C-alpha atoms as a PDB file:
ATOM      1  CA  MET A   1      19.104 -33.627 -11.769  1.00  0.00           C
ATOM      2  CA  LEU A   2      17.322 -34.994  -8.607  1.00  0.00           C
ATOM      3  CA  THR A   3      18.910 -32.196  -6.718  1.00  0.00           C
ATOM      4  CA  SER A   4      17.127 -29.555  -8.094  1.00  0.00           C
ATOM      5  CA  VAL A   5      13.694 -31.302  -6.983  1.00  0.00           C
ATOM      6  CA  PHE A   6      15.061 -31.513  -3.316  1.00  0.00           C
ATOM      7  CA  PHE A   7      16.771 -28.429  -2.853  1.00  0.00           C
ATOM      8  CA  LYS A   8      18.493 -25.332  -4.250  1.00  0.00           C
ATOM      9  CA  GLU A   9      21.545 -26.788  -6.020  1.00  0.00           C
ATOM     10  CA  LYS A  10      24.153 -24.266  -5.549  1.00  0.00           C
ATOM     11  CA  PRO A  11      23.900 -23.341  -1.787  1.00  0.00           C
ATOM     12  CA  ALA A  12      23.856 -27.174  -1.002  1.00  0.00           C
ATOM     13  CA  ARG A  13      26.965 -27.739  -3.151  1.00  0.00           C
ATOM     14  CA  ALA A  14      28.712 -24.516  -1.734  1.00  0.00           C
ATOM     15  CA  LEU A  15      28.140 -25.867   2.013  1.00  0.00           C
ATOM     16  CA  ALA A  16      29.347 -29.327   0.839  1.00  0.00           C
ATOM     17  CA  ALA A  17      32.628 -27.913  -0.775  1.00  0.00           C
ATOM     18  CA  LEU A  18      33.432 -26.113   2.439  1.00  0.00           C
ATOM     19  CA  ALA A  19      33.625 -29.359   4.250  1.00  0.00           C
ATOM     20  CA  LYS A  20      36.780 -30.224   1.835  1.00  0.00           C
ATOM     21  CA  LYS A  21      39.747 -29.642   4.126  1.00  0.00           C
ATOM     22  CA  ASP A  22      42.492 -29.788   1.827  1.00  0.00           C
ATOM     23  CA  ARG A  23      42.260 -26.276   1.029  1.00  0.00           C
ATOM     24  CA  GLU A  24      41.366 -22.670   2.450  1.00  0.00           C
ATOM     25  CA  TRP A  25      38.188 -21.446   0.959  1.00  0.00           C
ATOM     26  CA  TYR A  26      38.112 -17.924  -0.544  1.00  0.00           C
ATOM     27  CA  ALA A  27      34.591 -16.555  -2.185  1.00  0.00           C
ATOM     28  CA  SER A  28      36.338 -16.409  -5.436  1.00  0.00           C
ATOM     29  CA  MET A  29      37.469 -20.077  -5.508  1.00  0.00           C
ATOM     30  CA  LEU A  30      34.199 -21.649  -4.050  1.00  0.00           C
ATOM     31  CA  SER A  31      32.038 -19.842  -6.614  1.00  0.00           C
ATOM     32  CA  LYS A  32      34.328 -21.493  -9.471  1.00  0.00           C
ATOM     33  CA  GLU A  33      34.377 -24.782  -7.760  1.00  0.00           C
ATOM     34  CA  ILE A  34      30.539 -24.896  -7.835  1.00  0.00           C
ATOM     35  CA  ASP A  35      30.072 -22.983 -10.712  1.00  0.00           C
ATOM     36  CA  CYS A  36      28.333 -20.188  -9.573  1.00  0.00           C
ATOM     37  CA  THR A  37      28.477 -16.305 -10.079  1.00  0.00           C
ATOM     38  CA  TYR A  38      30.539 -14.656  -7.234  1.00  0.00           C
ATOM     39  CA  PRO A  39      27.262 -12.170  -6.282  1.00  0.00           C
ATOM     40  CA  HIS A  40      25.160 -15.159  -5.887  1.00  0.00           C
ATOM     41  CA  LEU A  41      27.905 -16.703  -3.731  1.00  0.00           C
ATOM     42  CA  ILE A  42      28.416 -13.562  -1.692  1.00  0.00           C
ATOM     43  CA  ASN A  43      24.497 -13.377  -0.786  1.00  0.00           C
ATOM     44  CA  THR A  44      24.227 -17.016  -0.140  1.00  0.00           C
ATOM     45  CA  LEU A  45      27.496 -16.640   2.359  1.00  0.00           C
ATOM     46  CA  ALA A  46      25.633 -14.087   4.154  1.00  0.00           C
ATOM     47  CA  THR A  47      22.595 -16.155   4.530  1.00  0.00           C
ATOM     48  CA  PHE A  48      25.130 -18.710   5.901  1.00  0.00           C
ATOM     49  CA  GLU A  49      26.663 -16.517   8.513  1.00  0.00           C
ATOM     50  CA  GLU A  50      23.317 -15.337   9.619  1.00  0.00           C
ATOM     51  CA  ALA A  51      22.183 -19.039  10.317  1.00  0.00           C
ATOM     52  CA  GLY A  52      25.612 -19.552  12.235  1.00  0.00           C
ATOM     53  CA  LEU A  53      26.833 -21.971   9.401  1.00  0.00           C
ATOM     54  CA  VAL A  54      30.133 -20.414   8.526  1.00  0.00           C
ATOM     55  CA  LYS A  55      32.209 -17.554   9.689  1.00  0.00           C
ATOM     56  CA  LEU A  56      34.297 -15.309   7.667  1.00  0.00           C
ATOM     57  CA  GLU A  57      37.757 -14.602   8.808  1.00  0.00           C
ATOM     58  CA  GLY A  58      39.483 -11.489   7.339  1.00  0.00           C
ATOM     59  CA  GLN A  59      43.159 -11.923   6.029  1.00  0.00           C
ATOM     60  CA  GLY A  60      43.917  -8.461   4.631  1.00  0.00           C
ATOM     61  CA  ARG A  61      41.335  -7.738   1.993  1.00  0.00           C
ATOM     62  CA  ILE A  62      40.502 -11.573   1.325  1.00  0.00           C
ATOM     63  CA  ASN A  63      38.092 -13.291   3.923  1.00  0.00           C
ATOM     64  CA  VAL A  64      38.574 -16.770   4.516  1.00  0.00           C
ATOM     65  CA  ILE A  65      35.373 -18.893   4.695  1.00  0.00           C
ATOM     66  CA  LYS A  66      35.481 -21.469   7.820  1.00  0.00           C
ATOM     67  CA  LEU A  67      32.521 -23.535   8.660  1.00  0.00           C
ATOM     68  CA  THR A  68      31.001 -23.555  12.029  1.00  0.00           C
ATOM     69  CA  GLU A  69      30.573 -26.826  14.061  1.00  0.00           C
ATOM     70  CA  ALA A  70      27.065 -26.530  12.909  1.00  0.00           C
ATOM     71  CA  GLY A  71      27.868 -25.807   9.273  1.00  0.00           C
ATOM     72  CA  GLU A  72      30.167 -28.759   9.278  1.00  0.00           C
ATOM     73  CA  ASP A  73      27.613 -31.242  10.480  1.00  0.00           C
ATOM     74  CA  LEU A  74      25.196 -30.040   7.811  1.00  0.00           C
ATOM     75  CA  ALA A  75      27.763 -30.167   5.423  1.00  0.00           C
ATOM     76  CA  HIS A  76      28.736 -33.574   6.128  1.00  0.00           C
ATOM     77  CA  ASP A  77      25.112 -34.637   5.730  1.00  0.00           C
ATOM     78  CA  LEU A  78      24.866 -32.618   2.623  1.00  0.00           C
ATOM     79  CA  GLU A  79      27.569 -34.173   1.263  1.00  0.00           C
ATOM     80  CA  GLY A  80      26.034 -37.783   1.566  1.00  0.00           C
ATOM     81  CA  VAL A  81      22.637 -36.775   0.154  1.00  0.00           C
ATOM     82  CA  LEU A  82      24.272 -35.280  -2.847  1.00  0.00           C
ATOM     83  CA  ARG A  83      26.483 -38.447  -3.564  1.00  0.00           C
ATOM     84  CA  ARG A  84      23.242 -40.725  -3.191  1.00  0.00           C
ATOM     85  CA  LEU A  85      21.377 -38.504  -5.504  1.00  0.00           C
ATOM     86  CA  GLU A  86      24.290 -38.357  -8.200  1.00  0.00           C
ATOM     87  CA  ARG A  87      24.235 -41.976  -7.971  1.00  0.00           C
ATOM     88  CA  MET A  88      20.521 -42.231  -8.379  1.00  0.00           C
ATOM     89  CA  ASP A  89      20.773 -39.787 -11.370  1.00  0.00           C
ATOM     90  CA  SER A  90      23.454 -42.189 -13.065  1.00  0.00           C
ATOM     91  CA  LYS A  91      21.671 -45.183 -12.666  1.00  0.00           C
ATOM     92  CA  SER A  92      18.748 -43.401 -14.468  1.00  0.00           C
ATOM     93  CA  ILE A  93      20.692 -42.058 -17.377  1.00  0.00           C
ATOM     94  CA  GLU A  94      22.304 -45.747 -17.600  1.00  0.00           C
ATOM     95  CA  LYS A  95      18.814 -47.304 -17.857  1.00  0.00           C
ATOM     96  CA  GLY A  96      17.704 -44.552 -20.503  1.00  0.00           C
ATOM     97  CA  GLU A  97      15.230 -42.983 -18.098  1.00  0.00           C
ATOM     98  CA  ARG A  98      14.390 -39.395 -18.072  1.00  0.00           C
ATOM     99  CA  THR A  99      15.115 -37.560 -15.003  1.00  0.00           C
ATOM    100  CA  GLU A 100      12.753 -34.393 -14.558  1.00  0.00           C
ATOM    101  CA  THR A 101      13.763 -31.005 -13.101  1.00  0.00           C
ATOM    102  CA  LEU A 102      11.603 -28.740 -11.767  1.00  0.00           C
ATOM    103  CA  GLU A 103      12.107 -26.462 -15.029  1.00  0.00           C
ATOM    104  CA  ASN A 104      10.779 -29.150 -17.047  1.00  0.00           C
ATOM    105  CA  GLN A 105       8.102 -29.811 -14.796  1.00  0.00           C
ATOM    106  CA  GLU A 106       6.650 -26.261 -14.424  1.00  0.00           C
ATOM    107  CA  PRO A 107       4.807 -26.152 -18.077  1.00  0.00           C
ATOM    108  CA  VAL A 108       3.221 -29.540 -17.011  1.00  0.00           C
ATOM    109  CA  VAL A 109       1.916 -27.696 -13.516  1.00  0.00           C
ATOM    110  CA  GLU A 110       0.535 -24.613 -15.422  1.00  0.00           C
ATOM    111  CA  GLU A 111      -1.353 -26.612 -17.870  1.00  0.00           C
ATOM    112  CA  LYS A 112      -2.972 -28.837 -14.914  1.00  0.00           C
ATOM    113  CA  LEU A 113      -3.931 -25.676 -13.026  1.00  0.00           C
ATOM    114  CA  LYS A 114      -5.337 -24.027 -16.486  1.00  0.00           C
ATOM    115  CA  LYS A 115      -7.634 -27.331 -16.819  1.00  0.00           C
ATOM    116  CA  ASN A 116      -8.760 -27.011 -13.229  1.00  0.00           C
ATOM    117  CA  ARG A 117     -10.260 -23.676 -13.604  1.00  0.00           C
END
């Protein structure tokens, strides 16, 4: 998938999902939405909070995740980029082309490095 070439997919999808205003977001809901482990998402949210992209508002034992103004701007930009990349991926699949991921490219890079030594 092209998204893995350009950025870390789960954090990008987490931020883009938070832009959906149809519900209040909790960490457990968001982790299911983006198919991410809960601990990984908690670490990602802490990074987002430090960067001023989200704020966590406590409601008893549960924290509601809200985007800040800066987070909303970035989330909307990411939504557009993700949509474009997904369209490009689906066009490649329709044409029968193979899209490379970083994982698929690592052995090739390692081989090139060995040859250059």
